[in-house]
């Protein structure tokens, strides 16, 4: 989803710029404004998409703003720590999940 949104935001900007390079008489200032605005709006929705898809971001957002209604239900457990220990073989490491 993130890649699709990135392409949908930046592709019109690139196309408009290439048309402006090769056919400058076909581009109006209004077209350049729309291409630029659409590409820069990605800075607004990118954190929202990231927040929806990343569990640690959701947890931090829930802790910061507990009154948001989008956090209904059981929170995901992403607070498990992983301990790495070295065995006798220095090239091999064993990971244990600590609850």
N, C-alpha and C. Protein backbone atom coordinates (compact mmCIF):
# COMPACT_ATOMS: atom_id res chain seq x y z
N UNK A 1 0.82 -1.19 0.00
CA UNK A 1 0.00 0.00 0.00
C UNK A 1 0.87 1.26 0.00
N UNK A 2 1.94 1.24 0.76
CA UNK A 2 2.80 2.41 0.84
C UNK A 2 3.44 2.71 -0.52
N UNK A 3 3.86 1.68 -1.21
CA UNK A 3 4.51 1.88 -2.51
C UNK A 3 3.50 2.44 -3.52
N UNK A 4 2.28 1.91 -3.49
CA UNK A 4 1.24 2.42 -4.39
C UNK A 4 0.98 3.90 -4.13
N UNK A 5 0.88 4.29 -2.87
CA UNK A 5 0.63 5.70 -2.54
C UNK A 5 1.80 6.58 -2.95
N UNK A 6 3.01 6.07 -2.81
CA UNK A 6 4.18 6.85 -3.22
C UNK A 6 4.14 7.10 -4.72
N UNK A 7 3.86 6.04 -5.49
CA UNK A 7 3.78 6.20 -6.94
C UNK A 7 2.63 7.11 -7.35
N UNK A 8 1.50 6.98 -6.68
CA UNK A 8 0.37 7.83 -7.05
C UNK A 8 0.61 9.30 -6.70
N UNK A 9 1.47 9.58 -5.74
CA UNK A 9 1.77 10.96 -5.39
C UNK A 9 2.86 11.56 -6.28
N UNK A 10 3.90 10.81 -6.57
CA UNK A 10 5.05 11.37 -7.26
C UNK A 10 5.06 11.18 -8.77
N UNK A 11 4.31 10.23 -9.30
CA UNK A 11 4.30 10.02 -10.75
C UNK A 11 3.74 11.22 -11.51
N UNK A 12 2.61 11.82 -11.09
CA UNK A 12 2.15 13.01 -11.81
C UNK A 12 3.18 14.15 -11.80
N UNK A 13 3.88 14.31 -10.71
CA UNK A 13 4.90 15.35 -10.61
C UNK A 13 6.01 15.13 -11.63
N UNK A 14 6.47 13.89 -11.74
CA UNK A 14 7.53 13.56 -12.68
C UNK A 14 7.05 13.73 -14.12
N UNK A 15 5.84 13.26 -14.40
CA UNK A 15 5.30 13.37 -15.76
C UNK A 15 5.15 14.84 -16.16
N UNK A 16 4.63 15.64 -15.25
CA UNK A 16 4.46 17.07 -15.54
C UNK A 16 5.81 17.74 -15.79
N UNK A 17 6.82 17.37 -15.01
CA UNK A 17 8.15 17.96 -15.21
C UNK A 17 8.77 17.53 -16.54
N UNK A 18 8.59 16.27 -16.91
CA UNK A 18 9.13 15.83 -18.20
C UNK A 18 8.40 16.49 -19.36
N UNK A 19 7.09 16.64 -19.25
CA UNK A 19 6.35 17.36 -20.29
C UNK A 19 6.83 18.80 -20.36
N UNK A 20 7.09 19.40 -19.21
CA UNK A 20 7.60 20.77 -19.18
C UNK A 20 8.97 20.91 -19.79
N UNK A 21 9.79 19.88 -19.71
CA UNK A 21 11.13 19.91 -20.30
C UNK A 21 11.04 19.81 -21.82
N UNK A 22 10.24 18.87 -22.32
CA UNK A 22 10.21 18.60 -23.75
C UNK A 22 9.16 19.42 -24.51
N UNK A 23 8.06 19.78 -23.82
CA UNK A 23 7.00 20.57 -24.46
C UNK A 23 6.59 21.71 -23.53
N UNK A 24 7.43 22.72 -23.37
CA UNK A 24 7.14 23.77 -22.39
C UNK A 24 5.89 24.59 -22.69
N UNK A 25 5.45 24.61 -23.93
CA UNK A 25 4.26 25.39 -24.25
C UNK A 25 2.96 24.68 -23.84
N UNK A 26 3.03 23.40 -23.50
CA UNK A 26 1.84 22.64 -23.12
C UNK A 26 1.53 22.71 -21.62
N UNK A 27 2.44 23.22 -20.82
CA UNK A 27 2.28 23.24 -19.36
C UNK A 27 1.88 24.64 -18.91
N UNK A 28 0.82 24.69 -18.10
CA UNK A 28 0.38 25.97 -17.52
C UNK A 28 0.82 26.01 -16.06
N UNK A 29 0.86 27.18 -15.46
CA UNK A 29 1.21 27.25 -14.04
C UNK A 29 0.25 26.46 -13.15
N UNK A 30 -1.03 26.39 -13.50
CA UNK A 30 -1.99 25.65 -12.69
C UNK A 30 -1.66 24.16 -12.68
N UNK A 31 -1.23 23.63 -13.81
CA UNK A 31 -0.87 22.21 -13.87
C UNK A 31 0.34 21.93 -12.99
N UNK A 32 1.32 22.81 -13.01
CA UNK A 32 2.51 22.60 -12.18
C UNK A 32 2.16 22.70 -10.70
N UNK A 33 1.23 23.57 -10.35
CA UNK A 33 0.82 23.69 -8.94
C UNK A 33 0.15 22.40 -8.48
N UNK A 34 -0.74 21.83 -9.31
CA UNK A 34 -1.42 20.59 -8.92
C UNK A 34 -0.45 19.44 -8.76
N UNK A 35 0.51 19.30 -9.67
CA UNK A 35 1.50 18.24 -9.56
C UNK A 35 2.36 18.37 -8.32
N UNK A 36 2.76 19.59 -8.03
CA UNK A 36 3.58 19.84 -6.86
C UNK A 36 2.80 19.61 -5.56
N UNK A 37 1.56 20.07 -5.54
CA UNK A 37 0.73 19.90 -4.33
C UNK A 37 0.44 18.43 -4.07
N UNK A 38 0.11 17.69 -5.11
CA UNK A 38 -0.18 16.27 -4.95
C UNK A 38 1.03 15.51 -4.42
N UNK A 39 2.20 15.85 -4.90
CA UNK A 39 3.39 15.14 -4.43
C UNK A 39 3.74 15.50 -2.99
N UNK A 40 3.50 16.73 -2.60
CA UNK A 40 3.86 17.14 -1.24
C UNK A 40 2.82 16.73 -0.20
N UNK A 41 1.63 16.38 -0.64
CA UNK A 41 0.61 15.88 0.28
C UNK A 41 1.03 14.52 0.84
N UNK A 42 1.94 13.84 0.15
CA UNK A 42 2.40 12.54 0.66
C UNK A 42 3.06 12.69 2.03
N UNK A 43 3.59 13.86 2.32
CA UNK A 43 4.16 14.09 3.66
C UNK A 43 3.09 14.11 4.74
N UNK A 44 1.84 14.33 4.34
CA UNK A 44 0.73 14.34 5.30
C UNK A 44 0.23 12.92 5.55
N UNK A 45 -0.02 12.17 4.46
CA UNK A 45 -0.61 10.85 4.68
C UNK A 45 0.41 9.76 4.93
N UNK A 46 1.68 9.99 4.68
CA UNK A 46 2.70 8.97 4.93
C UNK A 46 2.77 8.59 6.41
N UNK A 47 2.80 9.51 7.36
CA UNK A 47 2.80 9.09 8.77
C UNK A 47 1.52 8.37 9.18
N UNK A 48 0.41 8.73 8.56
CA UNK A 48 -0.85 8.06 8.88
C UNK A 48 -0.80 6.61 8.42
N UNK A 49 -0.33 6.39 7.21
CA UNK A 49 -0.21 5.02 6.70
C UNK A 49 0.79 4.24 7.54
N UNK A 50 1.89 4.86 7.90
CA UNK A 50 2.88 4.19 8.74
C UNK A 50 2.29 3.84 10.10
N UNK A 51 1.51 4.74 10.65
CA UNK A 51 0.88 4.49 11.95
C UNK A 51 -0.12 3.36 11.91
N UNK A 52 -0.80 3.21 10.80
CA UNK A 52 -1.76 2.13 10.67
C UNK A 52 -1.05 0.79 10.54
N UNK A 53 0.10 0.77 9.91
CA UNK A 53 0.75 -0.50 9.59
C UNK A 53 1.83 -0.93 10.58
N UNK A 54 2.33 -0.09 11.44
CA UNK A 54 3.43 -0.47 12.33
C UNK A 54 2.95 -0.61 13.77
N UNK A 55 3.13 -1.79 14.39
CA UNK A 55 2.60 -2.01 15.74
C UNK A 55 3.23 -1.13 16.82
N UNK A 56 4.51 -0.86 16.75
CA UNK A 56 5.13 -0.01 17.77
C UNK A 56 4.65 1.43 17.68
N UNK A 57 4.43 1.91 16.47
CA UNK A 57 3.90 3.25 16.29
C UNK A 57 2.49 3.33 16.85
N UNK A 58 1.70 2.28 16.63
CA UNK A 58 0.35 2.24 17.19
C UNK A 58 0.39 2.30 18.71
N UNK A 59 1.30 1.54 19.31
CA UNK A 59 1.42 1.52 20.76
C UNK A 59 1.83 2.90 21.30
N UNK A 60 2.80 3.54 20.66
CA UNK A 60 3.23 4.86 21.10
C UNK A 60 2.12 5.89 20.92
N UNK A 61 1.37 5.79 19.84
CA UNK A 61 0.26 6.71 19.61
C UNK A 61 -0.85 6.49 20.64
N UNK A 62 -1.11 5.23 20.96
CA UNK A 62 -2.13 4.91 21.97
C UNK A 62 -1.70 5.43 23.35
N UNK A 63 -0.41 5.33 23.67
CA UNK A 63 0.07 5.84 24.96
C UNK A 63 0.03 7.36 25.02
N UNK A 64 0.29 8.02 23.90
CA UNK A 64 0.30 9.48 23.85
C UNK A 64 -1.10 10.06 23.82
N UNK A 65 -1.97 9.46 23.02
CA UNK A 65 -3.34 9.94 22.87
C UNK A 65 -4.32 8.81 23.18
N UNK A 66 -4.55 8.52 24.44
CA UNK A 66 -5.42 7.38 24.79
C UNK A 66 -6.89 7.62 24.45
N UNK A 67 -7.28 8.84 24.19
CA UNK A 67 -8.69 9.12 23.92
C UNK A 67 -9.09 8.93 22.46
N UNK A 68 -8.15 8.57 21.59
CA UNK A 68 -8.49 8.35 20.19
C UNK A 68 -9.40 7.13 20.07
N UNK A 69 -10.42 7.24 19.27
CA UNK A 69 -11.39 6.15 19.15
C UNK A 69 -10.93 5.03 18.23
N UNK A 70 -9.82 5.21 17.54
CA UNK A 70 -9.37 4.17 16.61
C UNK A 70 -8.65 3.03 17.33
N UNK A 71 -8.47 3.13 18.64
CA UNK A 71 -7.78 2.10 19.38
C UNK A 71 -8.75 1.31 20.24
N UNK A 72 -9.75 0.73 19.62
CA UNK A 72 -10.72 -0.07 20.34
C UNK A 72 -10.26 -1.51 20.29
N UNK A 73 -10.35 -2.19 21.40
CA UNK A 73 -9.97 -3.60 21.43
C UNK A 73 -8.67 -3.79 22.17
N UNK A 74 -8.19 -5.03 22.12
CA UNK A 74 -6.98 -5.41 22.82
C UNK A 74 -5.75 -4.87 22.10
N UNK A 75 -4.83 -4.23 22.82
CA UNK A 75 -3.62 -3.73 22.17
C UNK A 75 -2.70 -4.89 21.78
N UNK A 76 -1.96 -4.69 20.71
CA UNK A 76 -1.02 -5.71 20.27
C UNK A 76 0.19 -5.71 21.19
N UNK A 77 0.73 -6.91 21.45
CA UNK A 77 1.87 -7.03 22.34
C UNK A 77 3.15 -7.00 21.52
N UNK A 78 3.77 -5.84 21.45
CA UNK A 78 5.03 -5.71 20.73
C UNK A 78 6.15 -5.34 21.70
N UNK A 79 5.89 -5.56 22.99
CA UNK A 79 6.87 -5.15 24.00
C UNK A 79 7.74 -6.31 24.45
N UNK A 80 7.69 -7.44 23.77
CA UNK A 80 8.53 -8.57 24.16
C UNK A 80 9.97 -8.24 23.85
N UNK A 81 10.84 -8.58 24.78
CA UNK A 81 12.26 -8.33 24.55
C UNK A 81 12.92 -9.63 24.12
N UNK A 82 13.94 -9.50 23.33
CA UNK A 82 14.68 -10.65 22.82
C UNK A 82 16.08 -10.58 23.38
N UNK A 83 16.51 -11.68 24.00
CA UNK A 83 17.84 -11.75 24.58
C UNK A 83 18.71 -12.59 23.66
N UNK A 84 19.88 -12.10 23.32
CA UNK A 84 20.82 -12.83 22.47
C UNK A 84 21.97 -13.31 23.34
N UNK A 85 22.22 -14.60 23.30
CA UNK A 85 23.33 -15.16 24.07
C UNK A 85 24.26 -15.88 23.12
N UNK A 86 25.54 -15.87 23.44
CA UNK A 86 26.52 -16.56 22.61
C UNK A 86 26.75 -17.94 23.18
N UNK A 87 26.85 -18.91 22.32
CA UNK A 87 27.15 -20.26 22.75
C UNK A 87 28.65 -20.48 22.62
N UNK A 88 29.09 -21.71 22.77
CA UNK A 88 30.51 -22.02 22.66
C UNK A 88 31.05 -21.72 21.28
N UNK A 89 30.23 -21.86 20.28
CA UNK A 89 30.62 -21.53 18.90
C UNK A 89 30.43 -20.03 18.71
N UNK A 90 31.50 -19.31 18.43
CA UNK A 90 31.42 -17.84 18.35
C UNK A 90 30.65 -17.37 17.12
N UNK A 91 30.49 -18.23 16.12
CA UNK A 91 29.77 -17.83 14.92
C UNK A 91 28.26 -18.03 15.06
N UNK A 92 27.83 -18.70 16.10
CA UNK A 92 26.42 -19.02 16.26
C UNK A 92 25.86 -18.29 17.47
N UNK A 93 24.74 -17.64 17.29
CA UNK A 93 24.07 -16.96 18.39
C UNK A 93 22.68 -17.53 18.54
N UNK A 94 22.22 -17.64 19.79
CA UNK A 94 20.92 -18.20 20.08
C UNK A 94 20.05 -17.07 20.61
N UNK A 95 18.82 -16.94 20.08
CA UNK A 95 17.90 -15.93 20.56
C UNK A 95 16.78 -16.58 21.36
N UNK A 96 16.53 -16.01 22.53
CA UNK A 96 15.44 -16.49 23.38
C UNK A 96 14.46 -15.37 23.58
N UNK A 97 13.19 -15.70 23.53
CA UNK A 97 12.17 -14.68 23.77
C UNK A 97 11.85 -14.66 25.25
N UNK A 98 11.92 -13.47 25.83
CA UNK A 98 11.64 -13.30 27.24
C UNK A 98 10.28 -12.66 27.37
N UNK A 99 9.38 -13.29 28.11
CA UNK A 99 8.02 -12.76 28.25
C UNK A 99 7.96 -11.75 29.37
